[in-house]
C-alpha atoms as a PDB file:
ATOM      1  CA  MET A   1     -31.340  -0.847  12.973  1.00  0.00           C
ATOM      2  CA  GLN A   2     -31.466   3.089  13.247  1.00  0.00           C
ATOM      3  CA  LEU A   3     -28.309   4.486  14.771  1.00  0.00           C
ATOM      4  CA  PHE A   4     -29.105   8.041  14.727  1.00  0.00           C
ATOM      5  CA  GLN A   5     -31.383   9.912  12.465  1.00  0.00           C
ATOM      6  CA  GLY A   6     -30.586   8.414   8.949  1.00  0.00           C
ATOM      7  CA  ILE A   7     -27.826   6.748   9.951  1.00  0.00           C
ATOM      8  CA  HIS A   8     -28.838   3.051   9.484  1.00  0.00           C
ATOM      9  CA  ARG A   9     -26.844  -0.485  10.428  1.00  0.00           C
ATOM     10  CA  ILE A  10     -27.608  -3.286   8.006  1.00  0.00           C
ATOM     11  CA  THR A  11     -26.298  -6.763   9.684  1.00  0.00           C
ATOM     12  CA  THR A  12     -25.709 -10.364   8.856  1.00  0.00           C
ATOM     13  CA  GLN A  13     -23.172 -12.762   9.113  1.00  0.00           C
ATOM     14  CA  ASN A  14     -20.847 -15.598   7.929  1.00  0.00           C
ATOM     15  CA  ALA A  15     -18.009 -16.451  10.229  1.00  0.00           C
ATOM     16  CA  LYS A  16     -18.198 -12.845  11.679  1.00  0.00           C
ATOM     17  CA  PRO A  17     -20.309 -10.045  11.937  1.00  0.00           C
ATOM     18  CA  LEU A  18     -20.918  -7.844   8.775  1.00  0.00           C
ATOM     19  CA  HIS A  19     -22.511  -4.547   9.136  1.00  0.00           C
ATOM     20  CA  LEU A  20     -23.324  -2.535   6.220  1.00  0.00           C
ATOM     21  CA  TYR A  21     -24.144   1.206   6.581  1.00  0.00           C
ATOM     22  CA  LEU A  22     -26.942   3.191   5.219  1.00  0.00           C
ATOM     23  CA  LEU A  23     -27.225   7.008   5.244  1.00  0.00           C
ATOM     24  CA  THR A  24     -31.198   8.386   4.112  1.00  0.00           C
ATOM     25  CA  GLY A  25     -31.147  11.993   3.145  1.00  0.00           C
ATOM     26  CA  LYS A  26     -33.847  13.997   1.883  1.00  0.00           C
ATOM     27  CA  GLU A  27     -32.027  14.584  -1.096  1.00  0.00           C
ATOM     28  CA  ARG A  28     -29.779  11.302  -1.351  1.00  0.00           C
ATOM     29  CA  THR A  29     -29.767   8.398  -0.220  1.00  0.00           C
ATOM     30  CA  VAL A  30     -26.095   5.984   0.476  1.00  0.00           C
ATOM     31  CA  LEU A  31     -25.767   2.531   0.865  1.00  0.00           C
ATOM     32  CA  LEU A  32     -22.053   1.818   1.792  1.00  0.00           C
ATOM     33  CA  ASP A  33     -20.951  -1.538   0.485  1.00  0.00           C
ATOM     34  CA  THR A  34     -23.152  -4.275  -0.908  1.00  0.00           C
ATOM     35  CA  GLY A  35     -21.791  -7.313   1.397  1.00  0.00           C
ATOM     36  CA  MET A  36     -21.450 -10.657  -0.683  1.00  0.00           C
ATOM     37  CA  ALA A  37     -22.927 -11.968  -3.405  1.00  0.00           C
ATOM     38  CA  SER A  38     -26.327 -13.537  -1.369  1.00  0.00           C
ATOM     39  CA  THR A  39     -26.337 -10.009   0.595  1.00  0.00           C
ATOM     40  CA  PRO A  40     -28.731  -7.745  -0.981  1.00  0.00           C
ATOM     41  CA  LYS A  41     -31.711 -10.334  -1.840  1.00  0.00           C
ATOM     42  CA  GLU A  42     -31.196 -11.638   1.813  1.00  0.00           C
ATOM     43  CA  VAL A  43     -30.805  -8.828   3.902  1.00  0.00           C
ATOM     44  CA  ILE A  44     -30.410  -5.330   2.176  1.00  0.00           C
ATOM     45  CA  LEU A  45     -33.702  -6.170  -0.188  1.00  0.00           C
ATOM     46  CA  PRO A  46     -35.843  -6.531   3.441  1.00  0.00           C
ATOM     47  CA  TYR A  47     -34.191  -3.914   5.553  1.00  0.00           C
ATOM     48  CA  PHE A  48     -35.422  -1.376   2.646  1.00  0.00           C
ATOM     49  CA  GLU A  49     -38.692  -3.058   2.222  1.00  0.00           C
ATOM     50  CA  LYS A  50     -38.570  -2.806   6.222  1.00  0.00           C
ATOM     51  CA  ILE A  51     -38.067   0.973   6.253  1.00  0.00           C
ATOM     52  CA  GLY A  52     -39.965   2.035   2.860  1.00  0.00           C
ATOM     53  CA  ILE A  53     -37.234   2.546   0.500  1.00  0.00           C
ATOM     54  CA  ASN A  54     -38.783   2.151  -3.256  1.00  0.00           C
ATOM     55  CA  THR A  55     -35.975   0.302  -4.978  1.00  0.00           C
ATOM     56  CA  GLU A  56     -37.152   2.115  -7.839  1.00  0.00           C
ATOM     57  CA  ASP A  57     -35.641   5.140  -6.221  1.00  0.00           C
ATOM     58  CA  PRO A  58     -31.882   6.153  -7.375  1.00  0.00           C
ATOM     59  CA  ILE A  59     -29.651   5.166  -4.895  1.00  0.00           C
ATOM     60  CA  ASP A  60     -25.785   5.749  -4.569  1.00  0.00           C
ATOM     61  CA  VAL A  61     -23.600   2.896  -3.031  1.00  0.00           C
ATOM     62  CA  VAL A  62     -19.927   3.373  -2.090  1.00  0.00           C
ATOM     63  CA  ILE A  63     -17.378   0.355  -2.231  1.00  0.00           C
ATOM     64  CA  THR A  64     -14.790   1.102   0.379  1.00  0.00           C
ATOM     65  CA  HIS A  65     -13.079  -1.684  -0.884  1.00  0.00           C
ATOM     66  CA  ALA A  66     -12.074  -5.013  -2.947  1.00  0.00           C
ATOM     67  CA  ASP A  67     -12.894  -7.731  -0.872  1.00  0.00           C
ATOM     68  CA  CYS A  68     -15.600 -10.270  -1.895  1.00  0.00           C
ATOM     69  CA  ASP A  69     -17.636  -9.365   1.266  1.00  0.00           C
ATOM     70  CA  HIS A  70     -17.867  -5.404   0.644  1.00  0.00           C
ATOM     71  CA  CYS A  71     -18.283  -5.755  -3.156  1.00  0.00           C
ATOM     72  CA  GLY A  72     -19.819  -9.648  -4.155  1.00  0.00           C
ATOM     73  CA  GLY A  73     -23.012  -7.974  -4.081  1.00  0.00           C
ATOM     74  CA  ASN A  74     -22.621  -5.310  -6.403  1.00  0.00           C
ATOM     75  CA  HIS A  75     -24.349  -7.692  -9.007  1.00  0.00           C
ATOM     76  CA  ALA A  76     -26.732  -8.506  -7.235  1.00  0.00           C
ATOM     77  CA  PHE A  77     -27.612  -5.499  -5.643  1.00  0.00           C
ATOM     78  CA  ASN A  78     -28.080  -3.801  -9.393  1.00  0.00           C
ATOM     79  CA  GLU A  79     -30.178  -6.042 -10.529  1.00  0.00           C
ATOM     80  CA  ILE A  80     -32.937  -5.328  -7.299  1.00  0.00           C
ATOM     81  CA  CYS A  81     -32.125  -1.395  -7.321  1.00  0.00           C
ATOM     82  CA  PRO A  82     -31.671  -0.813 -11.302  1.00  0.00           C
ATOM     83  CA  HIS A  83     -31.090   2.730 -11.164  1.00  0.00           C
ATOM     84  CA  SER A  84     -28.655   2.401  -8.731  1.00  0.00           C
ATOM     85  CA  SER A  85     -24.904   4.186  -9.290  1.00  0.00           C
ATOM     86  CA  ILE A  86     -22.131   1.896  -7.386  1.00  0.00           C
ATOM     87  CA  TYR A  87     -18.720   4.011  -6.905  1.00  0.00           C
ATOM     88  CA  GLY A  88     -15.418   3.066  -5.581  1.00  0.00           C
ATOM     89  CA  SER A  89     -11.677   4.442  -5.321  1.00  0.00           C
ATOM     90  CA  PRO A  90      -9.636   4.072  -9.091  1.00  0.00           C
ATOM     91  CA  SER A  91      -6.809   2.158  -7.345  1.00  0.00           C
ATOM     92  CA  ASP A  92      -9.625  -0.625  -6.528  1.00  0.00           C
ATOM     93  CA  ARG A  93     -11.950  -0.238  -9.045  1.00  0.00           C
ATOM     94  CA  ILE A  94     -10.306  -3.522 -11.657  1.00  0.00           C
ATOM     95  CA  LEU A  95     -10.795  -6.097  -8.836  1.00  0.00           C
ATOM     96  CA  ILE A  96     -13.746  -4.170  -7.452  1.00  0.00           C
ATOM     97  CA  GLU A  97     -15.706  -4.859 -11.144  1.00  0.00           C
ATOM     98  CA  ASN A  98     -14.090  -8.304 -12.081  1.00  0.00           C
ATOM     99  CA  PRO A  99     -14.180 -11.055  -9.395  1.00  0.00           C
ATOM    100  CA  ALA A 100     -11.828 -12.796 -11.546  1.00  0.00           C
ATOM    101  CA  GLU A 101      -9.649 -10.144 -10.728  1.00  0.00           C
ATOM    102  CA  LEU A 102      -9.860 -10.382  -7.098  1.00  0.00           C
ATOM    103  CA  MET A 103      -9.445 -13.633  -7.066  1.00  0.00           C
ATOM    104  CA  ARG A 104      -6.001 -13.589  -8.918  1.00  0.00           C
ATOM    105  CA  ASN A 105      -4.579 -10.586  -7.589  1.00  0.00           C
ATOM    106  CA  ARG A 106      -5.701 -10.688  -3.575  1.00  0.00           C
ATOM    107  CA  TYR A 107      -6.677 -13.866  -2.099  1.00  0.00           C
ATOM    108  CA  GLU A 108      -4.212 -15.491  -4.688  1.00  0.00           C
ATOM    109  CA  ALA A 109      -1.506 -13.442  -4.822  1.00  0.00           C
ATOM    110  CA  TYR A 110       0.774 -15.331  -2.894  1.00  0.00           C
ATOM    111  CA  GLU A 111       1.213 -18.509  -4.453  1.00  0.00           C
ATOM    112  CA  LYS A 112       3.378 -18.126  -7.104  1.00  0.00           C
ATOM    113  CA  ASP A 113       6.196 -17.028  -4.825  1.00  0.00           C
ATOM    114  CA  HIS A 114       5.508 -18.436  -1.406  1.00  0.00           C
ATOM    115  CA  GLY A 115       2.993 -21.225  -1.804  1.00  0.00           C
ATOM    116  CA  LEU A 116       0.032 -19.971   0.168  1.00  0.00           C
ATOM    117  CA  VAL A 117      -2.738 -21.023  -1.417  1.00  0.00           C
ATOM    118  CA  TYR A 118      -6.337 -21.168   0.579  1.00  0.00           C
ATOM    119  CA  ASP A 119      -8.020 -24.829   0.655  1.00  0.00           C
ATOM    120  CA  GLN A 120     -10.499 -25.722  -1.938  1.00  0.00           C
ATOM    121  CA  GLU A 121     -13.127 -25.168   0.308  1.00  0.00           C
ATOM    122  CA  THR A 122     -12.350 -21.429   0.835  1.00  0.00           C
ATOM    123  CA  LYS A 123     -11.477 -20.844  -2.292  1.00  0.00           C
ATOM    124  CA  LYS A 124     -14.764 -21.984  -3.774  1.00  0.00           C
ATOM    125  CA  TRP A 125     -16.717 -19.478  -0.636  1.00  0.00           C
ATOM    126  CA  LEU A 126     -14.531 -16.623  -2.086  1.00  0.00           C
ATOM    127  CA  LYS A 127     -15.419 -17.623  -5.536  1.00  0.00           C
ATOM    128  CA  GLU A 128     -19.328 -17.579  -4.850  1.00  0.00           C
ATOM    129  CA  THR A 129     -19.818 -14.959  -2.431  1.00  0.00           C
ATOM    130  CA  ALA A 130     -17.494 -12.527  -5.268  1.00  0.00           C
ATOM    131  CA  GLY A 131     -20.569 -12.605  -7.440  1.00  0.00           C
ATOM    132  CA  PHE A 132     -20.527 -11.257 -11.049  1.00  0.00           C
ATOM    133  CA  PRO A 133     -18.486  -8.784 -12.927  1.00  0.00           C
ATOM    134  CA  LEU A 134     -20.081  -5.267 -12.903  1.00  0.00           C
ATOM    135  CA  PRO A 135     -18.665  -1.689 -14.268  1.00  0.00           C
ATOM    136  CA  ILE A 136     -18.093   0.717 -11.410  1.00  0.00           C
ATOM    137  CA  GLU A 137     -17.686   4.151 -11.310  1.00  0.00           C
ATOM    138  CA  SER A 138     -14.987   5.984  -9.461  1.00  0.00           C
ATOM    139  CA  ILE A 139     -14.939   8.220  -6.655  1.00  0.00           C
ATOM    140  CA  ASP A 140     -13.807  11.956  -6.878  1.00  0.00           C
ATOM    141  CA  PHE A 141     -12.252  12.678  -3.868  1.00  0.00           C
ATOM    142  CA  THR A 142     -12.651  16.047  -4.187  1.00  0.00           C
ATOM    143  CA  GLN A 143     -16.020  16.337  -4.208  1.00  0.00           C
ATOM    144  CA  LYS A 144     -18.522  16.352  -1.185  1.00  0.00           C
ATOM    145  CA  TRP A 145     -21.985  14.871  -1.851  1.00  0.00           C
ATOM    146  CA  SER A 146     -24.912  16.579  -0.025  1.00  0.00           C
ATOM    147  CA  LEU A 147     -27.756  14.293   1.836  1.00  0.00           C
ATOM    148  CA  GLU A 148     -29.979  17.265   2.774  1.00  0.00           C
ATOM    149  CA  GLU A 149     -29.575  20.741   4.601  1.00  0.00           C
ATOM    150  CA  ASP A 150     -26.723  20.841   6.646  1.00  0.00           C
ATOM    151  CA  TRP A 151     -25.666  16.838   6.481  1.00  0.00           C
ATOM    152  CA  SER A 152     -22.847  16.254   3.330  1.00  0.00           C
ATOM    153  CA  ILE A 153     -20.415  13.361   3.226  1.00  0.00           C
ATOM    154  CA  GLU A 154     -17.128  13.186   2.139  1.00  0.00           C
ATOM    155  CA  PHE A 155     -14.724  10.968   0.825  1.00  0.00           C
ATOM    156  CA  LYS A 156     -10.992  10.343   1.961  1.00  0.00           C
ATOM    157  CA  GLU A 157      -8.249   7.685   0.850  1.00  0.00           C
ATOM    158  CA  LEU A 158      -7.570   4.862   3.498  1.00  0.00           C
ATOM    159  CA  PRO A 159      -4.994   2.644   1.846  1.00  0.00           C
ATOM    160  CA  GLY A 160      -3.204  -0.292   3.092  1.00  0.00           C
ATOM    161  CA  HIS A 161      -5.773  -2.872   3.530  1.00  0.00           C
ATOM    162  CA  THR A 162      -5.942  -2.647   0.158  1.00  0.00           C
ATOM    163  CA  ALA A 163      -4.608  -0.230  -2.072  1.00  0.00           C
ATOM    164  CA  GLY A 164      -7.570   2.055  -3.044  1.00  0.00           C
ATOM    165  CA  HIS A 165      -9.672   1.604   0.454  1.00  0.00           C
ATOM    166  CA  LEU A 166     -11.884   4.446   0.902  1.00  0.00           C
ATOM    167  CA  MET A 167     -13.203   5.645   4.135  1.00  0.00           C
ATOM    168  CA  VAL A 168     -17.042   8.208   4.226  1.00  0.00           C
ATOM    169  CA  TRP A 169     -16.535  10.952   6.506  1.00  0.00           C
ATOM    170  CA  ASP A 170     -19.678  12.702   8.281  1.00  0.00           C
ATOM    171  CA  SER A 171     -18.952  15.939   9.340  1.00  0.00           C
ATOM    172  CA  ARG A 172     -22.131  16.380  10.938  1.00  0.00           C
ATOM    173  CA  HIS A 173     -21.948  13.180  13.112  1.00  0.00           C
ATOM    174  CA  ALA A 174     -17.832  13.399  13.346  1.00  0.00           C
ATOM    175  CA  ALA A 175     -17.951  10.039  12.559  1.00  0.00           C
ATOM    176  CA  ALA A 176     -15.631   7.981   9.782  1.00  0.00           C
ATOM    177  CA  PHE A 177     -17.403   4.672   7.906  1.00  0.00           C
ATOM    178  CA  ILE A 178     -13.802   2.829   7.917  1.00  0.00           C
ATOM    179  CA  GLY A 179     -15.018  -0.037   6.811  1.00  0.00           C
ATOM    180  CA  ASP A 180     -11.983  -2.674   7.244  1.00  0.00           C
ATOM    181  CA  GLY A 181      -9.173   0.111   6.658  1.00  0.00           C
ATOM    182  CA  VAL A 182      -7.572   0.222   9.970  1.00  0.00           C
ATOM    183  CA  LEU A 183      -7.948  -3.403  11.970  1.00  0.00           C
ATOM    184  CA  GLY A 184      -6.472  -2.509  15.945  1.00  0.00           C
ATOM    185  CA  HIS A 185      -4.893  -5.993  16.599  1.00  0.00           C
ATOM    186  CA  GLY A 186      -7.543  -8.072  14.610  1.00  0.00           C
ATOM    187  CA  GLU A 187     -10.949  -8.888  14.306  1.00  0.00           C
ATOM    188  CA  TYR A 188     -13.172 -11.840  16.102  1.00  0.00           C
ATOM    189  CA  ASP A 189     -15.387 -14.316  15.098  1.00  0.00           C
ATOM    190  CA  LEU A 190     -18.922 -14.840  16.441  1.00  0.00           C
ATOM    191  CA  GLU A 191     -17.836 -17.282  18.929  1.00  0.00           C
ATOM    192  CA  GLY A 192     -15.519 -14.404  20.486  1.00  0.00           C
ATOM    193  CA  ARG A 193     -12.326 -16.117  19.018  1.00  0.00           C
ATOM    194  CA  LEU A 194      -9.397 -13.735  17.275  1.00  0.00           C
ATOM    195  CA  PHE A 195     -10.125 -14.849  13.721  1.00  0.00           C
ATOM    196  CA  VAL A 196      -7.940 -13.055  11.002  1.00  0.00           C
ATOM    197  CA  PRO A 197      -4.774 -10.555  12.301  1.00  0.00           C
ATOM    198  CA  PRO A 198      -5.045  -6.989  10.714  1.00  0.00           C
ATOM    199  CA  THR A 199      -4.322  -7.236   6.887  1.00  0.00           C
ATOM    200  CA  TYR A 200      -2.435  -4.455   5.175  1.00  0.00           C
ATOM    201  CA  VAL A 201      -0.858  -4.803   1.751  1.00  0.00           C
ATOM    202  CA  THR A 202       1.514  -2.087   1.943  1.00  0.00           C
ATOM    203  CA  VAL A 203       2.920  -0.484   5.921  1.00  0.00           C
ATOM    204  CA  ASP A 204       3.045   3.427   4.947  1.00  0.00           C
ATOM    205  CA  GLY A 205      -0.393   2.874   3.187  1.00  0.00           C
ATOM    206  CA  TYR A 206      -1.554   1.489   6.606  1.00  0.00           C
ATOM    207  CA  LEU A 207      -0.011   4.228   8.807  1.00  0.00           C
ATOM    208  CA  TYR A 208      -1.104   6.522   6.832  1.00  0.00           C
ATOM    209  CA  SER A 209      -5.073   5.378   7.329  1.00  0.00           C
ATOM    210  CA  ILE A 210      -4.131   5.605  11.121  1.00  0.00           C
ATOM    211  CA  GLU A 211      -2.567   9.115  10.622  1.00  0.00           C
ATOM    212  CA  GLN A 212      -5.820  10.454   8.713  1.00  0.00           C
ATOM    213  CA  LEU A 213      -7.679   9.260  11.669  1.00  0.00           C
ATOM    214  CA  GLU A 214      -6.032  10.531  14.076  1.00  0.00           C
ATOM    215  CA  ARG A 215      -6.014  14.084  12.434  1.00  0.00           C
ATOM    216  CA  LEU A 216      -9.823  14.218  12.122  1.00  0.00           C
ATOM    217  CA  GLN A 217     -10.363  12.834  15.620  1.00  0.00           C
ATOM    218  CA  PRO A 218     -13.851  11.285  15.014  1.00  0.00           C
ATOM    219  CA  ASP A 219     -16.793  10.808  17.521  1.00  0.00           C
ATOM    220  CA  VAL A 220     -17.080   8.183  16.794  1.00  0.00           C
ATOM    221  CA  ILE A 221     -15.467   5.102  14.114  1.00  0.00           C
ATOM    222  CA  PHE A 222     -17.834   2.952  12.469  1.00  0.00           C
ATOM    223  CA  ARG A 223     -16.415  -0.614  11.357  1.00  0.00           C
ATOM    224  CA  CYS A 224     -17.881  -3.488   9.306  1.00  0.00           C
ATOM    225  CA  HIS A 225     -17.152  -6.294  11.307  1.00  0.00           C
ATOM    226  CA  CYS A 226     -17.836  -4.859  14.939  1.00  0.00           C
ATOM    227  CA  ASP A 227     -19.447  -2.489  16.622  1.00  0.00           C
ATOM    228  CA  PRO A 228     -18.816   1.118  16.409  1.00  0.00           C
ATOM    229  CA  ILE A 229     -15.601   2.732  18.473  1.00  0.00           C
ATOM    230  CA  GLU A 230     -17.135   5.941  20.397  1.00  0.00           C
ATOM    231  CA  ASN A 231     -15.399   8.593  22.312  1.00  0.00           C
ATOM    232  CA  GLU A 232     -12.075   8.176  24.830  1.00  0.00           C
ATOM    233  CA  ASN A 233     -12.147   4.527  22.797  1.00  0.00           C
ATOM    234  CA  VAL A 234     -11.226   5.977  19.590  1.00  0.00           C
ATOM    235  CA  GLY A 235      -7.703   6.872  20.464  1.00  0.00           C
ATOM    236  CA  ARG A 236      -7.154   3.748  22.182  1.00  0.00           C
ATOM    237  CA  PHE A 237      -8.218   1.973  19.029  1.00  0.00           C
ATOM    238  CA  LEU A 238      -5.811   3.666  16.694  1.00  0.00           C
ATOM    239  CA  LYS A 239      -2.633   3.550  19.502  1.00  0.00           C
ATOM    240  CA  GLU A 240      -3.151  -0.491  19.479  1.00  0.00           C
ATOM    241  CA  SER A 241      -3.614  -0.625  15.394  1.00  0.00           C
ATOM    242  CA  ARG A 242      -0.100   1.349  15.011  1.00  0.00           C
ATOM    243  CA  GLU A 243       1.315  -0.634  18.046  1.00  0.00           C
ATOM    244  CA  TRP A 244       0.323  -3.806  16.077  1.00  0.00           C
ATOM    245  CA  VAL A 245       2.346  -2.715  13.105  1.00  0.00           C
ATOM    246  CA  GLN A 246       5.255  -1.617  15.261  1.00  0.00           C
ATOM    247  CA  ALA A 247       4.891  -5.860  16.765  1.00  0.00           C
ATOM    248  CA  ALA A 248       4.464  -7.017  13.316  1.00  0.00           C
ATOM    249  CA  GLU A 249       7.722  -5.360  11.989  1.00  0.00           C
ATOM    250  CA  ALA A 250       9.762  -6.338  15.124  1.00  0.00           C
ATOM    251  CA  GLU A 251       8.698 -10.026  15.018  1.00  0.00           C
ATOM    252  CA  VAL A 252       9.636 -10.087  11.030  1.00  0.00           C
ATOM    253  CA  LYS A 253      13.015  -8.602  11.580  1.00  0.00           C
ATOM    254  CA  ARG A 254      13.152 -11.303  14.711  1.00  0.00           C
ATOM    255  CA  LEU A 255      12.498 -14.378  12.521  1.00  0.00           C
ATOM    256  CA  ILE A 256      14.906 -12.891   9.746  1.00  0.00           C
ATOM    257  CA  GLY A 257      17.714 -12.667  12.447  1.00  0.00           C
ATOM    258  CA  ALA A 258      16.625 -16.083  13.852  1.00  0.00           C
ATOM    259  CA  HIS A 259      16.033 -17.776  10.536  1.00  0.00           C
ATOM    260  CA  GLN A 260      18.386 -17.023   7.458  1.00  0.00           C
ATOM    261  CA  GLY A 261      17.151 -18.175   4.199  1.00  0.00           C
ATOM    262  CA  ILE A 262      13.041 -18.243   6.176  1.00  0.00           C
ATOM    263  CA  SER A 263      10.259 -18.288   3.754  1.00  0.00           C
ATOM    264  CA  LEU A 264       6.627 -16.448   4.588  1.00  0.00           C
ATOM    265  CA  GLN A 265       5.409 -19.609   5.301  1.00  0.00           C
ATOM    266  CA  GLU A 266       7.861 -20.484   7.901  1.00  0.00           C
ATOM    267  CA  MET A 267       7.477 -16.757   9.441  1.00  0.00           C
ATOM    268  CA  ILE A 268       3.918 -17.574   9.715  1.00  0.00           C
ATOM    269  CA  ASP A 269       4.141 -21.110  11.268  1.00  0.00           C
ATOM    270  CA  LEU A 270       7.023 -19.593  13.689  1.00  0.00           C
ATOM    271  CA  GLN A 271       6.244 -16.590  14.779  1.00  0.00           C
ATOM    272  CA  GLU A 272       5.070 -16.319  18.915  1.00  0.00           C
ATOM    273  CA  ASN A 273       4.330 -12.310  19.243  1.00  0.00           C
ATOM    274  CA  LEU A 274       1.243 -11.791  17.767  1.00  0.00           C
ATOM    275  CA  GLY A 275      -1.066 -14.041  18.854  1.00  0.00           C
ATOM    276  CA  GLN A 276      -2.801 -16.905  17.104  1.00  0.00           C
ATOM    277  CA  PHE A 277      -5.583 -16.475  15.073  1.00  0.00           C
ATOM    278  CA  VAL A 278      -8.488 -18.398  13.034  1.00  0.00           C
ATOM    279  CA  LEU A 279      -6.876 -17.807   9.838  1.00  0.00           C
ATOM    280  CA  GLN A 280      -3.635 -17.937  10.553  1.00  0.00           C
ATOM    281  CA  MET A 281      -2.563 -17.972   7.309  1.00  0.00           C
ATOM    282  CA  ASP A 282      -3.807 -14.096   6.909  1.00  0.00           C
ATOM    283  CA  LEU A 283      -0.723 -12.842   8.192  1.00  0.00           C
ATOM    284  CA  MET A 284       0.358 -13.777   4.711  1.00  0.00           C
ATOM    285  CA  TYR A 285      -0.499 -10.014   4.031  1.00  0.00           C
ATOM    286  CA  SER A 286       1.440  -7.872   6.587  1.00  0.00           C
ATOM    287  CA  PHE A 287       4.384  -9.869   6.856  1.00  0.00           C
ATOM    288  CA  ALA A 288       4.457  -9.905   3.042  1.00  0.00           C
ATOM    289  CA  ALA A 289       3.560  -5.706   3.258  1.00  0.00           C
ATOM    290  CA  HIS A 290       6.678  -5.797   6.212  1.00  0.00           C
ATOM    291  CA  LEU A 291       9.249  -7.799   3.760  1.00  0.00           C
ATOM    292  CA  LYS A 292       8.502  -5.518   0.873  1.00  0.00           C
ATOM    293  CA  GLN A 293       9.351  -2.438   2.941  1.00  0.00           C
ATOM    294  CA  LEU A 294      12.658  -3.825   4.233  1.00  0.00           C
ATOM    295  CA  GLU A 295      13.395  -4.865   1.055  1.00  0.00           C
ATOM    296  CA  GLU A 296      13.394  -1.148  -0.314  1.00  0.00           C
ATOM    297  CA  ARG A 297      15.304   0.233   2.941  1.00  0.00           C
ATOM    298  CA  ASN A 298      17.994  -2.854   2.070  1.00  0.00           C
ATOM    299  CA  CYS A 299      18.085  -3.889   5.041  1.00  0.00           C
ATOM    300  CA  ILE A 300      16.983  -7.529   3.869  1.00  0.00           C
ATOM    301  CA  TYR A 301      17.376  -9.136   0.472  1.00  0.00           C
ATOM    302  CA  LYS A 302      15.276 -12.827  -0.978  1.00  0.00           C
ATOM    303  CA  LYS A 303      16.397 -15.457  -3.848  1.00  0.00           C
ATOM    304  CA  LYS A 304      14.472 -18.356  -4.878  1.00  0.00           C
ATOM    305  CA  ASP A 305      14.513 -21.855  -3.621  1.00  0.00           C
ATOM    306  CA  GLY A 306      13.407 -24.012  -6.148  1.00  0.00           C
ATOM    307  CA  GLU A 307      10.014 -21.846  -6.404  1.00  0.00           C
ATOM    308  CA  ILE A 308       9.335 -20.519  -3.179  1.00  0.00           C
ATOM    309  CA  LEU A 309      11.191 -17.203  -2.059  1.00  0.00           C
ATOM    310  CA  ARG A 310      13.607 -17.197   1.298  1.00  0.00           C
ATOM    311  CA  TYR A 311      14.776 -14.188   2.991  1.00  0.00           C
ATOM    312  CA  TYR A 312      17.814 -13.205   4.375  1.00  0.00           C
ATOM    313  CA  TRP A 313      19.133 -10.439   6.307  1.00  0.00           C
ATOM    314  CA  GLY A 314      21.995  -7.897   5.386  1.00  0.00           C
ATOM    315  CA  ASN A 315      23.081  -7.477   1.423  1.00  0.00           C
ATOM    316  CA  PRO A 316      23.649 -10.525  -1.220  1.00  0.00           C
ATOM    317  CA  VAL A 317      27.242 -11.336  -1.298  1.00  0.00           C
END
């Protein structure tokens, strides 16, 4: 559907909605994310046909970050639109280009030290939706892209959810296309249940992303798994996002103080103040980020118990 002149939203769904955004100017057409491996053929191509986009024309694709539901369709899209150019952040590039690296360094990152493993069905889905390898180009954050006269976009870093998450800023509409860069208190599934918690791999990066949006003061924020956030709701959303980070830090501290020698799995099982999520295990991302920050501040330390890391308050004796 067309949201504004030249701004389209292409929607599909799995457990939760997935919105991809298409910017159509007189000089340039830009697609933000390619979705999952099946999305280009099943969803993007029919929408292109509906609005008259020629797949033989050059199309620029910007991948907001390395997650299978955002970059898994790269190879399939390149087959459908062979003259397309696909861009992503240099910091996420290896994971975007190579699904095996994406699995190993994102979805399997907490297996070795924490024993946190997605079940076989989920792993199968992740691998299938991540698609096939495809080289991409690195985005240049110093450049603006002109879509037509008086309409350009630029790119800004929104680290935290992933190391190289990026945002597209449209100054004509005061619109921020943020992918999954900032997540409020979590995302909801199609049944209205709180599905996943805010996921970030660095606390400082995620807080920087919130601050970046606060400085820009967008009129509208476009996310990939919910409706647009507009006007006065923007400030409330960013405040809520910051408060969730503060609550997560406080909960990690509380759990370590109450259970000296606690594992990451036990923290997830015992947490009481952040809500209950369908994918409760995904608290591993934010909790691990807070643990790393607390270690760097010398507030806590860790020791191996067999194959699993356990965390303790204070300094080791």
